[in-house]
Amino acid sequence: MPFDKEVLTTGEVAKICNVAPRTVSKWFDSGALKGYRIPGSRDRRIPAAELAKFMRAHGIPIEGMNSGRTRVLIVDAEKDIVGTLDRILTEQTSYEVRTAVSAFQAGMECEKFKPHVVLMDIHLSDADTRAFVENVRRSEHLSFTRIVAMSGKLTDGQAQSLRSQGYDYFLKKPFQVRQVVESIEEVMRLAA
């Protein structure tokens, strides 16, 4: 078994399969995904071997079982920012990190990588970031993906309106690594 735990929570299964935790609960409650409940609790536990069988039977890519780590996609036209964030997040966290320097490249990465979190500079010059956000929101395969807007140019009022545009969180540039990690953890809590 490539996963380092023998028994998983519904939240861990959701991350691996890139779905919402409530979807895992539905699979469990319908009997499609085998597991057990913690006595005296509504909490569910799924043996890793059962999850692997379920994923194979339903054509869910098994690569997610290799890490179970939070997948983060960094999208920014400034290659220095992308490189620095990639290096620091890879060295200082357990996140699995990929990068893109355009909205088009980000779309391609989303299809392959299925990130849990996208850190996106909303001022990309190559394409409309709104179209990217709308496409992520429409994709059932990316329903678990959370998008953090990054900008150093917005006023507080403009930043507040981002949620209505499909963003889950806002990160003001310049920022410290601690703030980036806190924003990722916050949107992951919102998704659970």
C-alpha atoms as a PDB file:
ATOM      1  CA  MET A   1       0.000   0.000   0.000  1.00  0.00           C
ATOM      2  CA  PRO A   2       1.599   3.298  -1.041  1.00  0.00           C
ATOM      3  CA  PHE A   3      -0.210   5.329   1.646  1.00  0.00           C
ATOM      4  CA  ASP A   4       1.527   5.702   5.001  1.00  0.00           C
ATOM      5  CA  LYS A   5      -1.624   5.152   7.128  1.00  0.00           C
ATOM      6  CA  GLU A   6      -3.754   2.027   7.354  1.00  0.00           C
ATOM      7  CA  VAL A   7      -6.984   3.809   8.335  1.00  0.00           C
ATOM      8  CA  LEU A   8      -8.179   7.185   7.054  1.00  0.00           C
ATOM      9  CA  THR A   9     -10.728   9.801   8.112  1.00  0.00           C
ATOM     10  CA  THR A  10     -13.372  11.073   5.694  1.00  0.00           C
ATOM     11  CA  GLY A  11     -11.420  14.352   5.450  1.00  0.00           C
ATOM     12  CA  GLU A  12      -8.252  12.513   4.430  1.00  0.00           C
ATOM     13  CA  VAL A  13     -10.171  10.447   1.869  1.00  0.00           C
ATOM     14  CA  ALA A  14     -11.734  13.647   0.510  1.00  0.00           C
ATOM     15  CA  LYS A  15      -8.280  15.195  -0.016  1.00  0.00           C
ATOM     16  CA  ILE A  16      -6.974  12.078  -1.752  1.00  0.00           C
ATOM     17  CA  CYS A  17      -9.998  11.812  -4.061  1.00  0.00           C
ATOM     18  CA  ASN A  18     -10.313  15.590  -4.501  1.00  0.00           C
ATOM     19  CA  VAL A  19     -13.959  15.687  -3.419  1.00  0.00           C
ATOM     20  CA  ALA A  20     -15.845  17.295  -0.554  1.00  0.00           C
ATOM     21  CA  PRO A  21     -15.950  15.384   2.772  1.00  0.00           C
ATOM     22  CA  ARG A  22     -19.759  15.163   2.496  1.00  0.00           C
ATOM     23  CA  THR A  23     -19.287  13.215  -0.757  1.00  0.00           C
ATOM     24  CA  VAL A  24     -17.139  10.665   1.082  1.00  0.00           C
ATOM     25  CA  SER A  25     -19.824  10.404   3.770  1.00  0.00           C
ATOM     26  CA  LYS A  26     -22.425   9.687   1.065  1.00  0.00           C
ATOM     27  CA  TRP A  27     -20.216   6.970  -0.436  1.00  0.00           C
ATOM     28  CA  PHE A  28     -19.804   5.438   3.007  1.00  0.00           C
ATOM     29  CA  ASP A  29     -23.492   5.704   3.990  1.00  0.00           C
ATOM     30  CA  SER A  30     -24.627   4.122   0.706  1.00  0.00           C
ATOM     31  CA  GLY A  31     -22.259   1.184   1.238  1.00  0.00           C
ATOM     32  CA  ALA A  32     -20.199   1.951  -1.872  1.00  0.00           C
ATOM     33  CA  LEU A  33     -17.116   2.698   0.263  1.00  0.00           C
ATOM     34  CA  LYS A  34     -16.466   0.159   3.022  1.00  0.00           C
ATOM     35  CA  GLY A  35     -15.365   1.190   6.483  1.00  0.00           C
ATOM     36  CA  TYR A  36     -16.641   1.502  10.037  1.00  0.00           C
ATOM     37  CA  ARG A  37     -17.969   4.046  12.524  1.00  0.00           C
ATOM     38  CA  ILE A  38     -16.171   4.926  15.739  1.00  0.00           C
ATOM     39  CA  PRO A  39     -18.302   3.444  18.577  1.00  0.00           C
ATOM     40  CA  GLY A  40     -20.387   6.134  20.281  1.00  0.00           C
ATOM     41  CA  SER A  41     -19.698   8.598  17.465  1.00  0.00           C
ATOM     42  CA  ARG A  42     -20.837   9.482  13.952  1.00  0.00           C
ATOM     43  CA  ASP A  43     -17.194   9.608  12.791  1.00  0.00           C
ATOM     44  CA  ARG A  44     -16.310   7.231   9.993  1.00  0.00           C
ATOM     45  CA  ARG A  45     -13.018   5.467   9.284  1.00  0.00           C
ATOM     46  CA  ILE A  46     -11.986   3.936   5.985  1.00  0.00           C
ATOM     47  CA  PRO A  47      -9.218   1.321   5.721  1.00  0.00           C
ATOM     48  CA  ALA A  48      -6.658   2.359   3.092  1.00  0.00           C
ATOM     49  CA  ALA A  49      -7.007  -1.022   1.336  1.00  0.00           C
ATOM     50  CA  GLU A  50     -10.780  -0.436   0.929  1.00  0.00           C
ATOM     51  CA  LEU A  51     -10.153   3.054  -0.412  1.00  0.00           C
ATOM     52  CA  ALA A  52      -7.689   1.689  -2.991  1.00  0.00           C
ATOM     53  CA  LYS A  53     -10.295  -0.881  -4.157  1.00  0.00           C
ATOM     54  CA  PHE A  54     -12.975   1.805  -4.375  1.00  0.00           C
ATOM     55  CA  MET A  55     -10.706   4.164  -6.339  1.00  0.00           C
ATOM     56  CA  ARG A  56      -9.746   1.465  -8.846  1.00  0.00           C
ATOM     57  CA  ALA A  57     -13.390   0.371  -9.289  1.00  0.00           C
ATOM     58  CA  HIS A  58     -14.537   3.933  -9.990  1.00  0.00           C
ATOM     59  CA  GLY A  59     -11.600   5.093 -12.117  1.00  0.00           C
ATOM     60  CA  ILE A  60     -10.350   7.611  -9.554  1.00  0.00           C
ATOM     61  CA  PRO A  61      -6.631   8.275 -10.142  1.00  0.00           C
ATOM     62  CA  ILE A  62      -4.687   6.322  -7.537  1.00  0.00           C
ATOM     63  CA  GLU A  63      -1.732   8.772  -7.541  1.00  0.00           C
ATOM     64  CA  GLY A  64      -3.399  10.740  -4.740  1.00  0.00           C
ATOM     65  CA  MET A  65      -2.844   7.768  -2.451  1.00  0.00           C
ATOM     66  CA  ASN A  66       0.895   8.318  -2.720  1.00  0.00           C
ATOM     67  CA  SER A  67       0.930  11.438  -0.648  1.00  0.00           C
ATOM     68  CA  GLY A  68      -2.406  12.515   0.796  1.00  0.00           C
ATOM     69  CA  ARG A  69      -0.724  15.924   1.020  1.00  0.00           C
ATOM     70  CA  THR A  70      -2.383  19.247   0.327  1.00  0.00           C
ATOM     71  CA  ARG A  71      -1.841  20.114  -3.339  1.00  0.00           C
ATOM     72  CA  VAL A  72      -1.095  23.809  -3.986  1.00  0.00           C
ATOM     73  CA  LEU A  73      -0.903  25.500  -7.388  1.00  0.00           C
ATOM     74  CA  ILE A  74       0.871  28.882  -7.496  1.00  0.00           C
ATOM     75  CA  VAL A  75      -0.154  31.119 -10.408  1.00  0.00           C
ATOM     76  CA  ASP A  76       1.710  34.380 -10.950  1.00  0.00           C
ATOM     77  CA  ALA A  77       3.283  36.015 -14.009  1.00  0.00           C
ATOM     78  CA  GLU A  78       6.250  37.151 -11.905  1.00  0.00           C
ATOM     79  CA  LYS A  79       8.637  34.209 -12.122  1.00  0.00           C
ATOM     80  CA  ASP A  80      10.586  35.420  -9.062  1.00  0.00           C
ATOM     81  CA  ILE A  81       7.457  35.207  -6.891  1.00  0.00           C
ATOM     82  CA  VAL A  82       6.529  31.802  -8.296  1.00  0.00           C
ATOM     83  CA  GLY A  83      10.055  30.439  -7.770  1.00  0.00           C
ATOM     84  CA  THR A  84      10.391  31.816  -4.255  1.00  0.00           C
ATOM     85  CA  LEU A  85       6.979  30.574  -3.112  1.00  0.00           C
ATOM     86  CA  ASP A  86       7.576  27.169  -4.709  1.00  0.00           C
ATOM     87  CA  ARG A  87      10.970  26.781  -3.030  1.00  0.00           C
ATOM     88  CA  ILE A  88       9.846  27.955   0.416  1.00  0.00           C
ATOM     89  CA  LEU A  89       6.560  25.995   0.498  1.00  0.00           C
ATOM     90  CA  THR A  90       8.346  22.852  -0.703  1.00  0.00           C
ATOM     91  CA  GLU A  91      11.127  23.209   1.888  1.00  0.00           C
ATOM     92  CA  GLN A  92       9.066  24.395   4.877  1.00  0.00           C
ATOM     93  CA  THR A  93       5.744  22.555   4.519  1.00  0.00           C
ATOM     94  CA  SER A  94       4.486  19.143   3.502  1.00  0.00           C
ATOM     95  CA  TYR A  95       2.473  20.606   0.598  1.00  0.00           C
ATOM     96  CA  GLU A  96       2.787  19.194  -2.886  1.00  0.00           C
ATOM     97  CA  VAL A  97       3.451  22.302  -5.002  1.00  0.00           C
ATOM     98  CA  ARG A  98       3.159  23.068  -8.716  1.00  0.00           C
ATOM     99  CA  THR A  99       3.436  26.399 -10.516  1.00  0.00           C
ATOM    100  CA  ALA A 100       2.069  28.255 -13.542  1.00  0.00           C
ATOM    101  CA  VAL A 101       2.871  31.674 -15.007  1.00  0.00           C
ATOM    102  CA  SER A 102      -0.344  32.181 -17.012  1.00  0.00           C
ATOM    103  CA  ALA A 103      -4.064  31.501 -16.646  1.00  0.00           C
ATOM    104  CA  PHE A 104      -3.897  29.084 -19.595  1.00  0.00           C
ATOM    105  CA  GLN A 105      -1.067  27.112 -18.005  1.00  0.00           C
ATOM    106  CA  ALA A 106      -2.972  27.173 -14.688  1.00  0.00           C
ATOM    107  CA  GLY A 107      -6.003  25.641 -16.387  1.00  0.00           C
ATOM    108  CA  MET A 108      -3.874  22.853 -17.815  1.00  0.00           C
ATOM    109  CA  GLU A 109      -2.282  22.207 -14.417  1.00  0.00           C
ATOM    110  CA  CYS A 110      -5.684  22.123 -12.715  1.00  0.00           C
ATOM    111  CA  GLU A 111      -6.834  19.344 -15.016  1.00  0.00           C
ATOM    112  CA  LYS A 112      -3.758  17.193 -14.316  1.00  0.00           C
ATOM    113  CA  PHE A 113      -2.879  18.150 -10.730  1.00  0.00           C
ATOM    114  CA  LYS A 114      -6.358  18.744  -9.234  1.00  0.00           C
ATOM    115  CA  PRO A 115      -5.092  21.205  -6.614  1.00  0.00           C
ATOM    116  CA  HIS A 116      -6.762  21.675  -3.262  1.00  0.00           C
ATOM    117  CA  VAL A 117      -5.664  25.333  -3.238  1.00  0.00           C
ATOM    118  CA  VAL A 118      -4.807  27.775  -6.038  1.00  0.00           C
ATOM    119  CA  LEU A 119      -2.808  30.882  -5.084  1.00  0.00           C
ATOM    120  CA  MET A 120      -3.645  33.218  -7.959  1.00  0.00           C
ATOM    121  CA  ASP A 121      -2.358  36.657  -8.864  1.00  0.00           C
ATOM    122  CA  ILE A 122      -5.528  38.331 -10.096  1.00  0.00           C
ATOM    123  CA  HIS A 123      -3.612  40.731 -12.378  1.00  0.00           C
ATOM    124  CA  LEU A 124      -2.283  38.220 -14.906  1.00  0.00           C
ATOM    125  CA  SER A 125      -1.752  39.994 -18.208  1.00  0.00           C
ATOM    126  CA  ASP A 126      -2.299  37.034 -20.535  1.00  0.00           C
ATOM    127  CA  ALA A 127      -5.944  36.233 -19.852  1.00  0.00           C
ATOM    128  CA  ASP A 128      -9.001  37.078 -17.843  1.00  0.00           C
ATOM    129  CA  THR A 129      -8.623  35.507 -14.420  1.00  0.00           C
ATOM    130  CA  ARG A 130     -12.404  35.644 -14.007  1.00  0.00           C
ATOM    131  CA  ALA A 131     -12.778  33.093 -16.808  1.00  0.00           C
ATOM    132  CA  PHE A 132     -10.291  30.836 -15.034  1.00  0.00           C
ATOM    133  CA  VAL A 133     -12.198  31.114 -11.728  1.00  0.00           C
ATOM    134  CA  GLU A 134     -15.534  30.470 -13.466  1.00  0.00           C
ATOM    135  CA  ASN A 135     -14.137  27.366 -15.177  1.00  0.00           C
ATOM    136  CA  VAL A 136     -12.811  25.994 -11.878  1.00  0.00           C
ATOM    137  CA  ARG A 137     -16.164  26.634 -10.194  1.00  0.00           C
ATOM    138  CA  ARG A 138     -18.053  24.861 -13.022  1.00  0.00           C
ATOM    139  CA  SER A 139     -15.820  21.766 -13.007  1.00  0.00           C
ATOM    140  CA  GLU A 140     -17.153  18.905 -10.894  1.00  0.00           C
ATOM    141  CA  HIS A 141     -13.597  17.507 -10.758  1.00  0.00           C
ATOM    142  CA  LEU A 142     -12.417  20.709  -9.048  1.00  0.00           C
ATOM    143  CA  SER A 143     -15.336  21.181  -6.644  1.00  0.00           C
ATOM    144  CA  PHE A 144     -12.935  20.827  -3.714  1.00  0.00           C
ATOM    145  CA  THR A 145     -10.487  23.441  -5.064  1.00  0.00           C
ATOM    146  CA  ARG A 146     -10.214  26.694  -3.111  1.00  0.00           C
ATOM    147  CA  ILE A 147      -8.880  29.852  -4.782  1.00  0.00           C
ATOM    148  CA  VAL A 148      -6.853  32.476  -2.913  1.00  0.00           C
ATOM    149  CA  ALA A 149      -6.598  35.809  -4.747  1.00  0.00           C
ATOM    150  CA  MET A 150      -3.246  37.599  -4.496  1.00  0.00           C
ATOM    151  CA  SER A 151      -2.812  41.313  -5.205  1.00  0.00           C
ATOM    152  CA  GLY A 152      -0.954  44.349  -3.994  1.00  0.00           C
ATOM    153  CA  LYS A 153      -3.139  46.792  -5.928  1.00  0.00           C
ATOM    154  CA  LEU A 154      -6.644  46.344  -4.479  1.00  0.00           C
ATOM    155  CA  THR A 155      -8.321  48.551  -1.924  1.00  0.00           C
ATOM    156  CA  ASP A 156     -10.009  46.885   1.059  1.00  0.00           C
ATOM    157  CA  GLY A 157     -13.415  47.412  -0.582  1.00  0.00           C
ATOM    158  CA  GLN A 158     -12.295  45.777  -3.807  1.00  0.00           C
ATOM    159  CA  ALA A 159     -10.798  42.878  -1.855  1.00  0.00           C
ATOM    160  CA  GLN A 160     -14.143  42.338  -0.086  1.00  0.00           C
ATOM    161  CA  SER A 161     -15.914  41.957  -3.440  1.00  0.00           C
ATOM    162  CA  LEU A 162     -13.653  39.074  -4.509  1.00  0.00           C
ATOM    163  CA  ARG A 163     -15.779  36.463  -2.723  1.00  0.00           C
ATOM    164  CA  SER A 164     -18.716  37.280  -5.015  1.00  0.00           C
ATOM    165  CA  GLN A 165     -16.374  36.646  -7.970  1.00  0.00           C
ATOM    166  CA  GLY A 166     -15.646  33.074  -6.826  1.00  0.00           C
ATOM    167  CA  TYR A 167     -12.538  33.569  -4.692  1.00  0.00           C
ATOM    168  CA  ASP A 168     -12.403  31.999  -1.241  1.00  0.00           C
ATOM    169  CA  TYR A 169      -9.760  34.197   0.372  1.00  0.00           C
ATOM    170  CA  PHE A 170      -7.560  37.232  -0.276  1.00  0.00           C
ATOM    171  CA  LEU A 171      -3.835  37.619   0.331  1.00  0.00           C
ATOM    172  CA  LYS A 172      -2.370  41.142   0.096  1.00  0.00           C
ATOM    173  CA  LYS A 173       1.087  41.505  -1.466  1.00  0.00           C
ATOM    174  CA  PRO A 174       3.725  41.811  -0.182  1.00  0.00           C
ATOM    175  CA  PHE A 175       3.236  38.978   2.261  1.00  0.00           C
ATOM    176  CA  GLN A 176       5.296  36.738   4.494  1.00  0.00           C
ATOM    177  CA  VAL A 177       5.459  32.968   4.105  1.00  0.00           C
ATOM    178  CA  ARG A 178       3.589  32.559   7.398  1.00  0.00           C
ATOM    179  CA  GLN A 179       0.647  34.502   5.905  1.00  0.00           C
ATOM    180  CA  VAL A 180       0.632  32.275   2.819  1.00  0.00           C
ATOM    181  CA  VAL A 181       0.571  29.111   4.943  1.00  0.00           C
ATOM    182  CA  GLU A 182      -2.170  30.568   7.173  1.00  0.00           C
ATOM    183  CA  SER A 183      -4.303  31.400   4.119  1.00  0.00           C
ATOM    184  CA  ILE A 184      -3.887  27.852   2.750  1.00  0.00           C
ATOM    185  CA  GLU A 185      -4.799  26.320   6.113  1.00  0.00           C
ATOM    186  CA  GLU A 186      -7.801  28.659   6.467  1.00  0.00           C
ATOM    187  CA  VAL A 187      -9.318  27.757   3.082  1.00  0.00           C
ATOM    188  CA  MET A 188      -8.686  24.058   3.748  1.00  0.00           C
ATOM    189  CA  ARG A 189     -10.672  24.416   7.000  1.00  0.00           C
ATOM    190  CA  LEU A 190     -13.476  26.102   5.033  1.00  0.00           C
ATOM    191  CA  ALA A 191     -13.544  23.142   2.651  1.00  0.00           C
ATOM    192  CA  ALA A 192     -13.788  20.516   5.380  1.00  0.00           C
END
